[in-house]
Amino acid sequence: MRPIRLFAAALAALLMLATAGCATAPRWTLAWSDEFDGAQLDRTKWVAETGGHGWGNKELQHYTDRPENLRVADGMLVIEARQEGYGGKDYTSARIKTAGLMEQLHGRFEARIKVAKGQGIWPAFWMLGANIKQAGWPRSGEIDIMENIGKEPAIVHGTLHGPGYSGDKAFGSPSPLERGIYADDFHVFAVEWERGEIRWYRDGILYHTARPSLVKGDWVFEHPFFVLLNLAVGGLWPGYPDSTTVLPQQMLVDYVRVYRRATPAQ
């Protein structure tokens, strides 16, 4: 890790410690991170998922692990959506996950991201239950830390999916910007996940909270989850590219950091 990035990670941890007296900023200790400061994606931390089967949402892209779609450059993870024929699809992009490599129960999960933009463009930072192959979705649980759809450029969504509250019935909340759009700059997106509660933050602002008493179904969030990052093109929720959509588009990720509780919750 470069000294300046090591300093930034340490400073972020110290700032959390300094604000530990606030109920929404408890004490955390860094457990896992990727600062994307190497020459290429660290395959000991990430698995690239590939394919073009629509991914349950009627998406248009074929995910690849080619450098055209997935690379590390200038200290950033770059996920690039392109308009090109590949694998029977008209678009390509990338999707990565930590499944089998980093799976954690509870903690703070945080990333600094500059999203892509445009009608039909759908960047996401999210989590799935590590038991998804055994339990299936949505019983495995899904925690969407950040989703942005191109037709809502000034809004991101934090959402929970589980049995009885999945898909268009999911338990979520938006976080609108006061000015500008999310693609204009980097923003820090995070959840703080503890037993019986998950809290969503954007740039340190708490904007959504989930508890078993609030969701209309079973609470399935007391087992390990893994992290995903992807940039989809099209789908049932965002709609599809049109004449206004400019490609290629890039989702830039400065870092992903995962923390554990350093002290018991108050």
C-alpha atoms as a PDB file:
ATOM      1  CA  MET A   1       0.000   0.000   0.000  1.00  0.00           C
ATOM      2  CA  ARG A   2       1.338   3.443  -0.893  1.00  0.00           C
ATOM      3  CA  PRO A   3       2.233   5.591   2.160  1.00  0.00           C
ATOM      4  CA  ILE A   4      -0.305   8.279   1.288  1.00  0.00           C
ATOM      5  CA  ARG A   5      -3.096   5.717   0.982  1.00  0.00           C
ATOM      6  CA  LEU A   6      -2.017   4.007   4.186  1.00  0.00           C
ATOM      7  CA  PHE A   7      -2.175   7.377   5.912  1.00  0.00           C
ATOM      8  CA  ALA A   8      -5.666   7.991   4.481  1.00  0.00           C
ATOM      9  CA  ALA A   9      -6.922   4.641   5.751  1.00  0.00           C
ATOM     10  CA  ALA A  10      -5.434   5.267   9.200  1.00  0.00           C
ATOM     11  CA  LEU A  11      -6.913   8.778   9.303  1.00  0.00           C
ATOM     12  CA  ALA A  12     -10.360   7.412   8.424  1.00  0.00           C
ATOM     13  CA  ALA A  13     -10.119   4.914  11.284  1.00  0.00           C
ATOM     14  CA  LEU A  14      -8.986   7.643  13.712  1.00  0.00           C
ATOM     15  CA  LEU A  15     -11.884   9.884  12.697  1.00  0.00           C
ATOM     16  CA  MET A  16     -14.287   7.069  13.496  1.00  0.00           C
ATOM     17  CA  LEU A  17     -12.661   6.616  16.892  1.00  0.00           C
ATOM     18  CA  ALA A  18     -12.856  10.358  17.537  1.00  0.00           C
ATOM     19  CA  THR A  19     -16.606  10.344  16.951  1.00  0.00           C
ATOM     20  CA  ALA A  20     -17.265   7.184  18.943  1.00  0.00           C
ATOM     21  CA  GLY A  21     -19.445   9.034  21.436  1.00  0.00           C
ATOM     22  CA  CYS A  22     -22.139   9.542  18.804  1.00  0.00           C
ATOM     23  CA  ALA A  23     -24.745   6.769  18.590  1.00  0.00           C
ATOM     24  CA  THR A  24     -24.471   6.688  14.804  1.00  0.00           C
ATOM     25  CA  ALA A  25     -20.651   6.593  14.779  1.00  0.00           C
ATOM     26  CA  PRO A  26     -19.536   3.684  16.991  1.00  0.00           C
ATOM     27  CA  ARG A  27     -15.992   2.418  17.304  1.00  0.00           C
ATOM     28  CA  TRP A  28     -14.751   0.215  14.441  1.00  0.00           C
ATOM     29  CA  THR A  29     -11.477  -1.461  13.552  1.00  0.00           C
ATOM     30  CA  LEU A  30     -10.371  -2.168   9.990  1.00  0.00           C
ATOM     31  CA  ALA A  31     -10.714  -5.878   9.146  1.00  0.00           C
ATOM     32  CA  TRP A  32     -10.297  -5.971   5.347  1.00  0.00           C
ATOM     33  CA  SER A  33      -9.733  -3.477   2.560  1.00  0.00           C
ATOM     34  CA  ASP A  34      -8.747  -2.973  -1.027  1.00  0.00           C
ATOM     35  CA  GLU A  35      -7.190   0.395  -1.854  1.00  0.00           C
ATOM     36  CA  PHE A  36      -6.724  -0.579  -5.538  1.00  0.00           C
ATOM     37  CA  ASP A  37      -3.114   0.576  -5.525  1.00  0.00           C
ATOM     38  CA  GLY A  38      -1.668  -2.353  -7.486  1.00  0.00           C
ATOM     39  CA  ALA A  39      -1.127  -2.824 -11.193  1.00  0.00           C
ATOM     40  CA  GLN A  40      -4.182  -5.056 -11.580  1.00  0.00           C
ATOM     41  CA  LEU A  41      -7.192  -6.397  -9.738  1.00  0.00           C
ATOM     42  CA  ASP A  42      -6.191  -8.431  -6.680  1.00  0.00           C
ATOM     43  CA  ARG A  43      -7.631 -11.879  -7.415  1.00  0.00           C
ATOM     44  CA  THR A  44      -6.981 -12.979  -3.832  1.00  0.00           C
ATOM     45  CA  LYS A  45      -9.718 -10.510  -2.832  1.00  0.00           C
ATOM     46  CA  TRP A  46     -12.140 -10.524  -5.756  1.00  0.00           C
ATOM     47  CA  VAL A  47     -13.834 -12.994  -8.082  1.00  0.00           C
ATOM     48  CA  ALA A  48     -15.042 -11.714 -11.458  1.00  0.00           C
ATOM     49  CA  GLU A  49     -18.464 -12.982 -12.500  1.00  0.00           C
ATOM     50  CA  THR A  50     -19.029 -13.325 -16.230  1.00  0.00           C
ATOM     51  CA  GLY A  51     -21.990 -14.004 -18.485  1.00  0.00           C
ATOM     52  CA  GLY A  52     -24.912 -12.411 -20.256  1.00  0.00           C
ATOM     53  CA  HIS A  53     -28.043 -14.178 -19.020  1.00  0.00           C
ATOM     54  CA  GLY A  54     -29.821 -11.049 -17.762  1.00  0.00           C
ATOM     55  CA  TRP A  55     -28.918 -11.577 -14.091  1.00  0.00           C
ATOM     56  CA  GLY A  56     -32.551 -11.854 -12.982  1.00  0.00           C
ATOM     57  CA  ASN A  57     -33.326  -8.285 -14.058  1.00  0.00           C
ATOM     58  CA  LYS A  58     -33.427  -8.522 -17.879  1.00  0.00           C
ATOM     59  CA  GLU A  59     -30.147  -6.608 -18.077  1.00  0.00           C
ATOM     60  CA  LEU A  60     -28.518  -6.126 -21.484  1.00  0.00           C
ATOM     61  CA  GLN A  61     -24.791  -6.465 -20.752  1.00  0.00           C
ATOM     62  CA  HIS A  62     -22.420  -9.399 -20.961  1.00  0.00           C
ATOM     63  CA  TYR A  63     -20.112  -9.252 -17.948  1.00  0.00           C
ATOM     64  CA  THR A  64     -16.467  -9.979 -18.778  1.00  0.00           C
ATOM     65  CA  ASP A  65     -13.134  -9.922 -16.954  1.00  0.00           C
ATOM     66  CA  ARG A  66     -11.319  -8.274 -19.875  1.00  0.00           C
ATOM     67  CA  PRO A  67      -9.279  -5.133 -19.120  1.00  0.00           C
ATOM     68  CA  GLU A  68     -11.628  -3.219 -21.418  1.00  0.00           C
ATOM     69  CA  ASN A  69     -14.311  -3.706 -18.769  1.00  0.00           C
ATOM     70  CA  LEU A  70     -12.403  -4.402 -15.555  1.00  0.00           C
ATOM     71  CA  ARG A  71      -9.056  -2.930 -14.528  1.00  0.00           C
ATOM     72  CA  VAL A  72      -7.085  -1.023 -11.921  1.00  0.00           C
ATOM     73  CA  ALA A  73      -5.594   2.298 -13.045  1.00  0.00           C
ATOM     74  CA  ASP A  74      -4.246   5.354 -11.211  1.00  0.00           C
ATOM     75  CA  GLY A  75      -5.164   3.903  -7.827  1.00  0.00           C
ATOM     76  CA  MET A  76      -8.770   3.225  -8.815  1.00  0.00           C
ATOM     77  CA  LEU A  77     -10.877   0.241  -9.724  1.00  0.00           C
ATOM     78  CA  VAL A  78     -12.418   0.947 -13.124  1.00  0.00           C
ATOM     79  CA  ILE A  79     -15.586  -0.863 -14.185  1.00  0.00           C
ATOM     80  CA  GLU A  80     -16.434   0.227 -17.704  1.00  0.00           C
ATOM     81  CA  ALA A  81     -19.680  -0.336 -19.592  1.00  0.00           C
ATOM     82  CA  ARG A  82     -19.264  -0.363 -23.357  1.00  0.00           C
ATOM     83  CA  GLN A  83     -21.557  -0.600 -26.361  1.00  0.00           C
ATOM     84  CA  GLU A  84     -20.148  -3.480 -28.388  1.00  0.00           C
ATOM     85  CA  GLY A  85     -21.174  -6.901 -29.570  1.00  0.00           C
ATOM     86  CA  TYR A  86     -19.940  -9.656 -27.252  1.00  0.00           C
ATOM     87  CA  GLY A  87     -21.339 -13.064 -26.347  1.00  0.00           C
ATOM     88  CA  GLY A  88     -24.587 -12.371 -28.172  1.00  0.00           C
ATOM     89  CA  LYS A  89     -25.149  -9.086 -26.317  1.00  0.00           C
ATOM     90  CA  ASP A  90     -24.830  -5.486 -27.459  1.00  0.00           C
ATOM     91  CA  TYR A  91     -23.146  -4.219 -24.292  1.00  0.00           C
ATOM     92  CA  THR A  92     -20.310  -5.308 -22.021  1.00  0.00           C
ATOM     93  CA  SER A  93     -19.412  -4.455 -18.436  1.00  0.00           C
ATOM     94  CA  ALA A  94     -18.059  -6.120 -15.260  1.00  0.00           C
ATOM     95  CA  ARG A  95     -19.176  -7.477 -11.906  1.00  0.00           C
ATOM     96  CA  ILE A  96     -16.924  -8.610  -9.038  1.00  0.00           C
ATOM     97  CA  LYS A  97     -17.540 -10.180  -5.631  1.00  0.00           C
ATOM     98  CA  THR A  98     -15.671 -11.300  -2.514  1.00  0.00           C
ATOM     99  CA  ALA A  99     -17.598 -14.592  -2.178  1.00  0.00           C
ATOM    100  CA  GLY A 100     -15.398 -17.334  -0.726  1.00  0.00           C
ATOM    101  CA  LEU A 101     -12.621 -14.815  -0.043  1.00  0.00           C
ATOM    102  CA  MET A 102     -14.104 -12.274   2.371  1.00  0.00           C
ATOM    103  CA  GLU A 103     -17.420 -13.006   4.059  1.00  0.00           C
ATOM    104  CA  GLN A 104     -18.311 -11.262   7.302  1.00  0.00           C
ATOM    105  CA  LEU A 105     -21.122 -11.133   9.853  1.00  0.00           C
ATOM    106  CA  HIS A 106     -21.877  -7.551  10.965  1.00  0.00           C
ATOM    107  CA  GLY A 107     -19.579  -4.533  10.657  1.00  0.00           C
ATOM    108  CA  ARG A 108     -19.184  -1.341   8.696  1.00  0.00           C
ATOM    109  CA  PHE A 109     -18.921  -1.771   4.922  1.00  0.00           C
ATOM    110  CA  GLU A 110     -17.761   1.345   3.106  1.00  0.00           C
ATOM    111  CA  ALA A 111     -16.611   2.450  -0.356  1.00  0.00           C
ATOM    112  CA  ARG A 112     -15.698   5.731  -2.019  1.00  0.00           C
ATOM    113  CA  ILE A 113     -17.237   5.713  -5.492  1.00  0.00           C
ATOM    114  CA  LYS A 114     -17.829   7.957  -8.469  1.00  0.00           C
ATOM    115  CA  VAL A 115     -20.798   6.494 -10.300  1.00  0.00           C
ATOM    116  CA  ALA A 116     -21.416   6.290 -14.030  1.00  0.00           C
ATOM    117  CA  LYS A 117     -24.331   8.164 -15.569  1.00  0.00           C
ATOM    118  CA  GLY A 118     -26.918   7.962 -18.327  1.00  0.00           C
ATOM    119  CA  GLN A 119     -30.344   6.526 -19.012  1.00  0.00           C
ATOM    120  CA  GLY A 120     -30.256   2.764 -18.483  1.00  0.00           C
ATOM    121  CA  ILE A 121     -26.961   2.827 -16.555  1.00  0.00           C
ATOM    122  CA  TRP A 122     -27.063   1.085 -13.159  1.00  0.00           C
ATOM    123  CA  PRO A 123     -24.004   1.132 -10.826  1.00  0.00           C
ATOM    124  CA  ALA A 124     -24.215  -0.722  -7.511  1.00  0.00           C
ATOM    125  CA  PHE A 125     -22.278  -1.504  -4.324  1.00  0.00           C
ATOM    126  CA  TRP A 126     -24.065  -4.268  -2.441  1.00  0.00           C
ATOM    127  CA  MET A 127     -23.964  -7.504  -0.446  1.00  0.00           C
ATOM    128  CA  LEU A 128     -25.454 -10.992  -0.618  1.00  0.00           C
ATOM    129  CA  GLY A 129     -25.785 -13.667   2.038  1.00  0.00           C
ATOM    130  CA  ALA A 130     -22.948 -16.168   1.821  1.00  0.00           C
ATOM    131  CA  ASN A 131     -25.543 -18.957   2.069  1.00  0.00           C
ATOM    132  CA  ILE A 132     -27.240 -17.991  -1.194  1.00  0.00           C
ATOM    133  CA  LYS A 133     -26.470 -21.313  -2.902  1.00  0.00           C
ATOM    134  CA  GLN A 134     -28.122 -23.228  -0.077  1.00  0.00           C
ATOM    135  CA  ALA A 135     -30.942 -20.859   0.903  1.00  0.00           C
ATOM    136  CA  GLY A 136     -31.648 -19.171  -2.441  1.00  0.00           C
ATOM    137  CA  TRP A 137     -32.652 -15.561  -2.955  1.00  0.00           C
ATOM    138  CA  PRO A 138     -34.187 -13.642  -1.193  1.00  0.00           C
ATOM    139  CA  ARG A 139     -33.979 -15.946   1.865  1.00  0.00           C
ATOM    140  CA  SER A 140     -30.202 -15.483   1.802  1.00  0.00           C
ATOM    141  CA  GLY A 141     -30.749 -11.737   2.186  1.00  0.00           C
ATOM    142  CA  GLU A 142     -29.487  -8.802   0.124  1.00  0.00           C
ATOM    143  CA  ILE A 143     -28.146  -5.485   1.413  1.00  0.00           C
ATOM    144  CA  ASP A 144     -27.900  -2.822  -1.292  1.00  0.00           C
ATOM    145  CA  ILE A 145     -25.491  -0.255   0.116  1.00  0.00           C
ATOM    146  CA  MET A 146     -25.747   1.991  -2.940  1.00  0.00           C
ATOM    147  CA  GLU A 147     -27.680   1.804  -6.192  1.00  0.00           C
ATOM    148  CA  ASN A 148     -28.096   4.608  -8.702  1.00  0.00           C
ATOM    149  CA  ILE A 149     -30.190   4.503 -11.836  1.00  0.00           C
ATOM    150  CA  GLY A 150     -29.493   6.883 -14.688  1.00  0.00           C
ATOM    151  CA  LYS A 151     -32.952   8.405 -14.823  1.00  0.00           C
ATOM    152  CA  GLU A 152     -32.444   9.588 -11.206  1.00  0.00           C
ATOM    153  CA  PRO A 153     -28.963  11.145 -11.411  1.00  0.00           C
ATOM    154  CA  ALA A 154     -29.242  13.016  -8.089  1.00  0.00           C
ATOM    155  CA  ILE A 155     -30.574  10.071  -6.033  1.00  0.00           C
ATOM    156  CA  VAL A 156     -29.031   6.891  -4.657  1.00  0.00           C
ATOM    157  CA  HIS A 157     -30.954   4.143  -2.898  1.00  0.00           C
ATOM    158  CA  GLY A 158     -30.182   1.998   0.153  1.00  0.00           C
ATOM    159  CA  THR A 159     -32.307  -1.133   0.194  1.00  0.00           C
ATOM    160  CA  LEU A 160     -32.906  -4.422   2.009  1.00  0.00           C
ATOM    161  CA  HIS A 161     -34.297  -7.560   0.340  1.00  0.00           C
ATOM    162  CA  GLY A 162     -35.575 -10.577   2.262  1.00  0.00           C
ATOM    163  CA  PRO A 163     -38.493 -13.026   2.365  1.00  0.00           C
ATOM    164  CA  GLY A 164     -41.680 -10.974   1.969  1.00  0.00           C
ATOM    165  CA  TYR A 165     -39.883  -7.729   1.064  1.00  0.00           C
ATOM    166  CA  SER A 166     -37.917  -8.248  -2.138  1.00  0.00           C
ATOM    167  CA  GLY A 167     -37.892  -6.827  -5.648  1.00  0.00           C
ATOM    168  CA  ASP A 168     -40.316  -3.924  -5.975  1.00  0.00           C
ATOM    169  CA  LYS A 169     -41.535  -4.611  -2.411  1.00  0.00           C
ATOM    170  CA  ALA A 170     -38.055  -4.194  -0.895  1.00  0.00           C
ATOM    171  CA  PHE A 171     -37.482  -2.081   2.220  1.00  0.00           C
ATOM    172  CA  GLY A 172     -35.506   0.939   1.066  1.00  0.00           C
ATOM    173  CA  SER A 173     -34.992   4.679   1.162  1.00  0.00           C
ATOM    174  CA  PRO A 174     -33.470   7.289  -1.197  1.00  0.00           C
ATOM    175  CA  SER A 175     -30.670   9.755  -0.481  1.00  0.00           C
ATOM    176  CA  PRO A 176     -31.034  12.814  -2.757  1.00  0.00           C
ATOM    177  CA  LEU A 177     -28.292  15.387  -3.254  1.00  0.00           C
ATOM    178  CA  GLU A 178     -29.073  19.017  -2.494  1.00  0.00           C
ATOM    179  CA  ARG A 179     -27.280  20.097  -5.670  1.00  0.00           C
ATOM    180  CA  GLY A 180     -25.589  18.465  -8.651  1.00  0.00           C
ATOM    181  CA  ILE A 181     -25.634  14.782  -9.572  1.00  0.00           C
ATOM    182  CA  TYR A 182     -23.785  11.806  -8.124  1.00  0.00           C
ATOM    183  CA  ALA A 183     -21.674  11.287 -11.238  1.00  0.00           C
ATOM    184  CA  ASP A 184     -20.082  14.712 -10.741  1.00  0.00           C
ATOM    185  CA  ASP A 185     -17.813  13.583  -7.889  1.00  0.00           C
ATOM    186  CA  PHE A 186     -16.836  10.816  -5.485  1.00  0.00           C
ATOM    187  CA  HIS A 187     -19.075  10.006  -2.528  1.00  0.00           C
ATOM    188  CA  VAL A 188     -18.651   7.667   0.442  1.00  0.00           C
ATOM    189  CA  PHE A 189     -21.368   5.035   0.768  1.00  0.00           C
ATOM    190  CA  ALA A 190     -21.624   2.794   3.825  1.00  0.00           C
ATOM    191  CA  VAL A 191     -23.757   0.564   5.983  1.00  0.00           C
ATOM    192  CA  GLU A 192     -23.257  -0.131   9.666  1.00  0.00           C
ATOM    193  CA  TRP A 193     -24.692  -3.568  10.337  1.00  0.00           C
ATOM    194  CA  GLU A 194     -25.208  -4.880  13.842  1.00  0.00           C
ATOM    195  CA  ARG A 195     -27.416  -7.516  15.417  1.00  0.00           C
ATOM    196  CA  GLY A 196     -30.992  -6.484  14.737  1.00  0.00           C
ATOM    197  CA  GLU A 197     -30.158  -3.235  12.922  1.00  0.00           C
ATOM    198  CA  ILE A 198     -28.664  -1.954   9.657  1.00  0.00           C
ATOM    199  CA  ARG A 199     -27.979   1.754   9.046  1.00  0.00           C
ATOM    200  CA  TRP A 200     -27.229   3.414   5.693  1.00  0.00           C
ATOM    201  CA  TYR A 201     -24.935   6.442   5.258  1.00  0.00           C
ATOM    202  CA  ARG A 202     -23.994   8.716   2.379  1.00  0.00           C
ATOM    203  CA  ASP A 203     -21.040  11.029   3.046  1.00  0.00           C
ATOM    204  CA  GLY A 204     -21.573  10.474   6.758  1.00  0.00           C
ATOM    205  CA  ILE A 205     -25.290  11.308   6.612  1.00  0.00           C
ATOM    206  CA  LEU A 206     -27.591   8.663   8.112  1.00  0.00           C
ATOM    207  CA  TYR A 207     -30.596   8.299   5.792  1.00  0.00           C
ATOM    208  CA  HIS A 208     -32.097   4.828   6.305  1.00  0.00           C
ATOM    209  CA  THR A 209     -32.430   2.281   9.117  1.00  0.00           C
ATOM    210  CA  ALA A 210     -33.778  -1.274   9.057  1.00  0.00           C
ATOM    211  CA  ARG A 211     -34.808  -3.441  12.025  1.00  0.00           C
ATOM    212  CA  PRO A 212     -36.767  -6.699  12.294  1.00  0.00           C
ATOM    213  CA  SER A 213     -39.822  -4.779  13.523  1.00  0.00           C
ATOM    214  CA  LEU A 214     -39.816  -2.566  10.415  1.00  0.00           C
ATOM    215  CA  VAL A 215     -39.554  -5.114   7.604  1.00  0.00           C
ATOM    216  CA  LYS A 216     -42.649  -7.030   6.476  1.00  0.00           C
ATOM    217  CA  GLY A 217     -41.163 -10.512   6.623  1.00  0.00           C
ATOM    218  CA  ASP A 218     -38.410 -12.623   8.136  1.00  0.00           C
ATOM    219  CA  TRP A 219     -35.182 -10.948   9.266  1.00  0.00           C
ATOM    220  CA  VAL A 220     -32.413 -12.953   7.553  1.00  0.00           C
ATOM    221  CA  PHE A 221     -29.368 -10.832   8.388  1.00  0.00           C
ATOM    222  CA  GLU A 222     -27.552 -12.686  11.150  1.00  0.00           C
ATOM    223  CA  HIS A 223     -25.088 -14.660   9.026  1.00  0.00           C
ATOM    224  CA  PRO A 224     -22.026 -13.730   6.901  1.00  0.00           C
ATOM    225  CA  PHE A 225     -22.391 -11.737   3.690  1.00  0.00           C
ATOM    226  CA  PHE A 226     -20.011 -10.966   0.824  1.00  0.00           C
ATOM    227  CA  VAL A 227     -19.514  -7.722  -1.135  1.00  0.00           C
ATOM    228  CA  LEU A 228     -20.274  -7.031  -4.811  1.00  0.00           C
ATOM    229  CA  LEU A 229     -19.534  -4.152  -7.187  1.00  0.00           C
ATOM    230  CA  ASN A 230     -21.042  -3.978 -10.653  1.00  0.00           C
ATOM    231  CA  LEU A 231     -22.177  -1.691 -13.439  1.00  0.00           C
ATOM    232  CA  ALA A 232     -25.267  -2.947 -15.270  1.00  0.00           C
ATOM    233  CA  VAL A 233     -26.771  -1.719 -18.522  1.00  0.00           C
ATOM    234  CA  GLY A 234     -30.551  -1.797 -18.676  1.00  0.00           C
ATOM    235  CA  GLY A 235     -32.943  -3.776 -16.537  1.00  0.00           C
ATOM    236  CA  LEU A 236     -36.496  -3.759 -15.277  1.00  0.00           C
ATOM    237  CA  TRP A 237     -35.883  -1.013 -12.723  1.00  0.00           C
ATOM    238  CA  PRO A 238     -33.599   1.493 -14.525  1.00  0.00           C
ATOM    239  CA  GLY A 239     -35.061   0.964 -17.980  1.00  0.00           C
ATOM    240  CA  TYR A 240     -32.888   0.815 -21.058  1.00  0.00           C
ATOM    241  CA  PRO A 241     -30.408   3.039 -22.901  1.00  0.00           C
ATOM    242  CA  ASP A 242     -31.867   5.529 -25.357  1.00  0.00           C
ATOM    243  CA  SER A 243     -30.590   8.217 -27.711  1.00  0.00           C
ATOM    244  CA  THR A 244     -29.365  10.307 -24.768  1.00  0.00           C
ATOM    245  CA  THR A 245     -27.146   7.557 -23.325  1.00  0.00           C
ATOM    246  CA  VAL A 246     -23.436   8.116 -23.914  1.00  0.00           C
ATOM    247  CA  LEU A 247     -21.108   5.104 -23.782  1.00  0.00           C
ATOM    248  CA  PRO A 248     -18.609   4.066 -22.613  1.00  0.00           C
ATOM    249  CA  GLN A 249     -19.354   4.901 -18.979  1.00  0.00           C
ATOM    250  CA  GLN A 250     -17.090   4.236 -15.995  1.00  0.00           C
ATOM    251  CA  MET A 251     -17.751   3.481 -12.364  1.00  0.00           C
ATOM    252  CA  LEU A 252     -14.638   4.450 -10.374  1.00  0.00           C
ATOM    253  CA  VAL A 253     -13.950   2.967  -6.932  1.00  0.00           C
ATOM    254  CA  ASP A 254     -11.255   4.579  -4.794  1.00  0.00           C
ATOM    255  CA  TYR A 255     -11.402   1.974  -2.027  1.00  0.00           C
ATOM    256  CA  VAL A 256     -13.539  -0.624  -0.282  1.00  0.00           C
ATOM    257  CA  ARG A 257     -13.090  -0.999   3.494  1.00  0.00           C
ATOM    258  CA  VAL A 258     -14.694  -3.444   5.891  1.00  0.00           C
ATOM    259  CA  TYR A 259     -14.592  -2.862   9.643  1.00  0.00           C
ATOM    260  CA  ARG A 260     -15.462  -4.888  12.724  1.00  0.00           C
ATOM    261  CA  ARG A 261     -16.727  -3.598  16.049  1.00  0.00           C
ATOM    262  CA  ALA A 262     -13.819  -2.575  18.271  1.00  0.00           C
ATOM    263  CA  THR A 263     -16.022  -2.072  21.327  1.00  0.00           C
ATOM    264  CA  PRO A 264     -19.460  -3.428  22.271  1.00  0.00           C
ATOM    265  CA  ALA A 265     -22.465  -1.493  21.021  1.00  0.00           C
ATOM    266  CA  GLN A 266     -23.989   0.809  23.636  1.00  0.00           C
END
